[in-house]
């Protein structure tokens, strides 16, 4: 779900076993990732879906996007704590990014 907070800045945000998730694993659990086991870039991959090929994954990208998602999630939580009345409106309890719309930073 972290990608929902970053899709406006990262067009490759969110995938299944492609570059986004693979980068996160490389940052968090590098011993679990072996990019050499992948076929050449451009060859079809079964069960892997996303805009960023897993062959392009890097631990640095994973760290950067994890840090930025944590910051965005904290802004979301802070806004909800500071303005609980906004989230009591019908249909807004699960609304994300309201802090952006209201000029919060």
C-alpha atoms as a PDB file:
ATOM      1  CA  UNK A   1       0.000   0.000   0.000  1.00  0.00           C
ATOM      2  CA  UNK A   2       2.983   2.332   0.336  1.00  0.00           C
ATOM      3  CA  UNK A   3       2.868   3.058  -3.375  1.00  0.00           C
ATOM      4  CA  UNK A   4      -0.488   4.838  -2.999  1.00  0.00           C
ATOM      5  CA  UNK A   5       1.314   7.620  -1.154  1.00  0.00           C
ATOM      6  CA  UNK A   6       3.984   8.026  -3.835  1.00  0.00           C
ATOM      7  CA  UNK A   7       2.344   7.333  -7.178  1.00  0.00           C
ATOM      8  CA  UNK A   8       2.247  11.060  -7.953  1.00  0.00           C
ATOM      9  CA  UNK A   9       6.078  11.188  -7.772  1.00  0.00           C
ATOM     10  CA  UNK A  10       7.016   7.724  -8.987  1.00  0.00           C
ATOM     11  CA  UNK A  11       5.278   6.508 -12.160  1.00  0.00           C
ATOM     12  CA  UNK A  12       6.656   3.016 -11.518  1.00  0.00           C
ATOM     13  CA  UNK A  13       5.042   2.881  -8.055  1.00  0.00           C
ATOM     14  CA  UNK A  14       3.357  -0.367  -7.131  1.00  0.00           C
ATOM     15  CA  UNK A  15       3.802  -3.757  -8.718  1.00  0.00           C
ATOM     16  CA  UNK A  16       3.956  -7.444  -8.004  1.00  0.00           C
ATOM     17  CA  UNK A  17       7.497  -8.831  -7.884  1.00  0.00           C
ATOM     18  CA  UNK A  18       8.790  -6.235 -10.359  1.00  0.00           C
ATOM     19  CA  UNK A  19      11.264  -3.423  -9.753  1.00  0.00           C
ATOM     20  CA  UNK A  20       9.331  -1.635  -6.999  1.00  0.00           C
ATOM     21  CA  UNK A  21       8.930  -4.619  -4.657  1.00  0.00           C
ATOM     22  CA  UNK A  22      12.301  -6.083  -5.596  1.00  0.00           C
ATOM     23  CA  UNK A  23      14.002  -2.789  -4.698  1.00  0.00           C
ATOM     24  CA  UNK A  24      12.254  -2.843  -1.323  1.00  0.00           C
ATOM     25  CA  UNK A  25      13.459  -6.378  -0.661  1.00  0.00           C
ATOM     26  CA  UNK A  26      16.986  -5.425  -1.702  1.00  0.00           C
ATOM     27  CA  UNK A  27      16.894  -2.575   0.829  1.00  0.00           C
ATOM     28  CA  UNK A  28      15.345  -4.591   3.658  1.00  0.00           C
ATOM     29  CA  UNK A  29      16.492  -8.189   3.108  1.00  0.00           C
ATOM     30  CA  UNK A  30      19.294  -8.166   0.521  1.00  0.00           C
ATOM     31  CA  UNK A  31      20.146 -11.840   1.061  1.00  0.00           C
ATOM     32  CA  UNK A  32      16.718 -12.801  -0.328  1.00  0.00           C
ATOM     33  CA  UNK A  33      17.311 -11.230  -3.753  1.00  0.00           C
ATOM     34  CA  UNK A  34      19.399 -12.742  -6.546  1.00  0.00           C
ATOM     35  CA  UNK A  35      18.993 -10.645  -9.686  1.00  0.00           C
ATOM     36  CA  UNK A  36      21.280 -13.024 -11.587  1.00  0.00           C
ATOM     37  CA  UNK A  37      18.487 -15.631 -11.433  1.00  0.00           C
ATOM     38  CA  UNK A  38      16.306 -13.434 -13.656  1.00  0.00           C
ATOM     39  CA  UNK A  39      16.152 -13.848 -17.418  1.00  0.00           C
ATOM     40  CA  UNK A  40      17.525 -11.115 -19.640  1.00  0.00           C
ATOM     41  CA  UNK A  41      15.651  -7.827 -19.505  1.00  0.00           C
ATOM     42  CA  UNK A  42      12.751  -7.826 -21.946  1.00  0.00           C
ATOM     43  CA  UNK A  43      12.096 -11.566 -21.816  1.00  0.00           C
ATOM     44  CA  UNK A  44       8.621 -12.523 -20.575  1.00  0.00           C
ATOM     45  CA  UNK A  45       8.238 -13.115 -16.846  1.00  0.00           C
ATOM     46  CA  UNK A  46       5.384 -15.158 -15.403  1.00  0.00           C
ATOM     47  CA  UNK A  47       3.586 -13.681 -12.398  1.00  0.00           C
ATOM     48  CA  UNK A  48       5.582 -10.451 -12.383  1.00  0.00           C
ATOM     49  CA  UNK A  49       3.610  -7.311 -13.069  1.00  0.00           C
ATOM     50  CA  UNK A  50       4.729  -3.699 -13.004  1.00  0.00           C
ATOM     51  CA  UNK A  51       6.145  -0.817 -14.975  1.00  0.00           C
ATOM     52  CA  UNK A  52       9.706  -1.199 -13.673  1.00  0.00           C
ATOM     53  CA  UNK A  53      11.497  -4.406 -14.687  1.00  0.00           C
ATOM     54  CA  UNK A  54      12.905  -6.333 -11.713  1.00  0.00           C
ATOM     55  CA  UNK A  55      16.301  -6.243 -13.419  1.00  0.00           C
ATOM     56  CA  UNK A  56      16.357  -2.455 -12.782  1.00  0.00           C
ATOM     57  CA  UNK A  57      15.820  -2.832  -9.030  1.00  0.00           C
ATOM     58  CA  UNK A  58      18.367  -1.335  -6.647  1.00  0.00           C
ATOM     59  CA  UNK A  59      18.674  -1.199  -2.874  1.00  0.00           C
ATOM     60  CA  UNK A  60      19.167   2.579  -3.092  1.00  0.00           C
ATOM     61  CA  UNK A  61      15.854   3.013  -4.909  1.00  0.00           C
ATOM     62  CA  UNK A  62      14.184   0.752  -2.345  1.00  0.00           C
ATOM     63  CA  UNK A  63      15.573   2.748   0.585  1.00  0.00           C
ATOM     64  CA  UNK A  64      14.571   6.042  -1.005  1.00  0.00           C
ATOM     65  CA  UNK A  65      10.994   4.990  -1.719  1.00  0.00           C
ATOM     66  CA  UNK A  66      10.568   3.349   1.693  1.00  0.00           C
ATOM     67  CA  UNK A  67      11.787   6.518   3.424  1.00  0.00           C
ATOM     68  CA  UNK A  68       9.559   8.749   1.303  1.00  0.00           C
ATOM     69  CA  UNK A  69       6.528   6.517   1.916  1.00  0.00           C
ATOM     70  CA  UNK A  70       7.143   6.584   5.663  1.00  0.00           C
ATOM     71  CA  UNK A  71       7.306  10.394   5.545  1.00  0.00           C
ATOM     72  CA  UNK A  72       4.075  10.599   3.515  1.00  0.00           C
ATOM     73  CA  UNK A  73       2.296   8.199   5.865  1.00  0.00           C
ATOM     74  CA  UNK A  74       3.407  10.263   8.869  1.00  0.00           C
ATOM     75  CA  UNK A  75       2.032  13.412   7.212  1.00  0.00           C
ATOM     76  CA  UNK A  76      -1.234  11.560   6.666  1.00  0.00           C
ATOM     77  CA  UNK A  77      -1.400  10.476  10.319  1.00  0.00           C
ATOM     78  CA  UNK A  78      -0.445  13.943  11.593  1.00  0.00           C
ATOM     79  CA  UNK A  79      -3.182  15.544   9.502  1.00  0.00           C
ATOM     80  CA  UNK A  80      -5.752  13.061  10.791  1.00  0.00           C
ATOM     81  CA  UNK A  81      -4.695  13.723  14.387  1.00  0.00           C
ATOM     82  CA  UNK A  82      -4.786  17.503  13.933  1.00  0.00           C
ATOM     83  CA  UNK A  83      -8.079  17.577  11.979  1.00  0.00           C
ATOM     84  CA  UNK A  84     -10.186  14.588  13.079  1.00  0.00           C
ATOM     85  CA  UNK A  85     -13.416  16.382  12.174  1.00  0.00           C
ATOM     86  CA  UNK A  86     -12.506  16.227   8.478  1.00  0.00           C
ATOM     87  CA  UNK A  87     -12.420  12.449   8.574  1.00  0.00           C
ATOM     88  CA  UNK A  88     -15.774  12.083  10.304  1.00  0.00           C
ATOM     89  CA  UNK A  89     -17.617  13.170   7.184  1.00  0.00           C
ATOM     90  CA  UNK A  90     -19.456  10.430   5.341  1.00  0.00           C
ATOM     91  CA  UNK A  91     -17.076   8.542   3.068  1.00  0.00           C
ATOM     92  CA  UNK A  92     -13.958  10.389   4.223  1.00  0.00           C
ATOM     93  CA  UNK A  93     -12.705   8.059   6.949  1.00  0.00           C
ATOM     94  CA  UNK A  94     -10.574   6.152   4.445  1.00  0.00           C
ATOM     95  CA  UNK A  95      -9.806   9.069   2.171  1.00  0.00           C
ATOM     96  CA  UNK A  96      -6.070   9.510   1.627  1.00  0.00           C
ATOM     97  CA  UNK A  97      -4.131  12.614   0.688  1.00  0.00           C
ATOM     98  CA  UNK A  98      -6.600  15.095   2.121  1.00  0.00           C
ATOM     99  CA  UNK A  99      -3.664  16.912   3.722  1.00  0.00           C
ATOM    100  CA  UNK A 100      -2.332  17.599   0.202  1.00  0.00           C
ATOM    101  CA  UNK A 101      -5.666  19.002  -0.969  1.00  0.00           C
ATOM    102  CA  UNK A 102      -5.943  21.273   2.059  1.00  0.00           C
ATOM    103  CA  UNK A 103      -2.459  22.726   1.644  1.00  0.00           C
ATOM    104  CA  UNK A 104      -0.812  20.709   4.401  1.00  0.00           C
ATOM    105  CA  UNK A 105       2.827  19.788   4.034  1.00  0.00           C
END
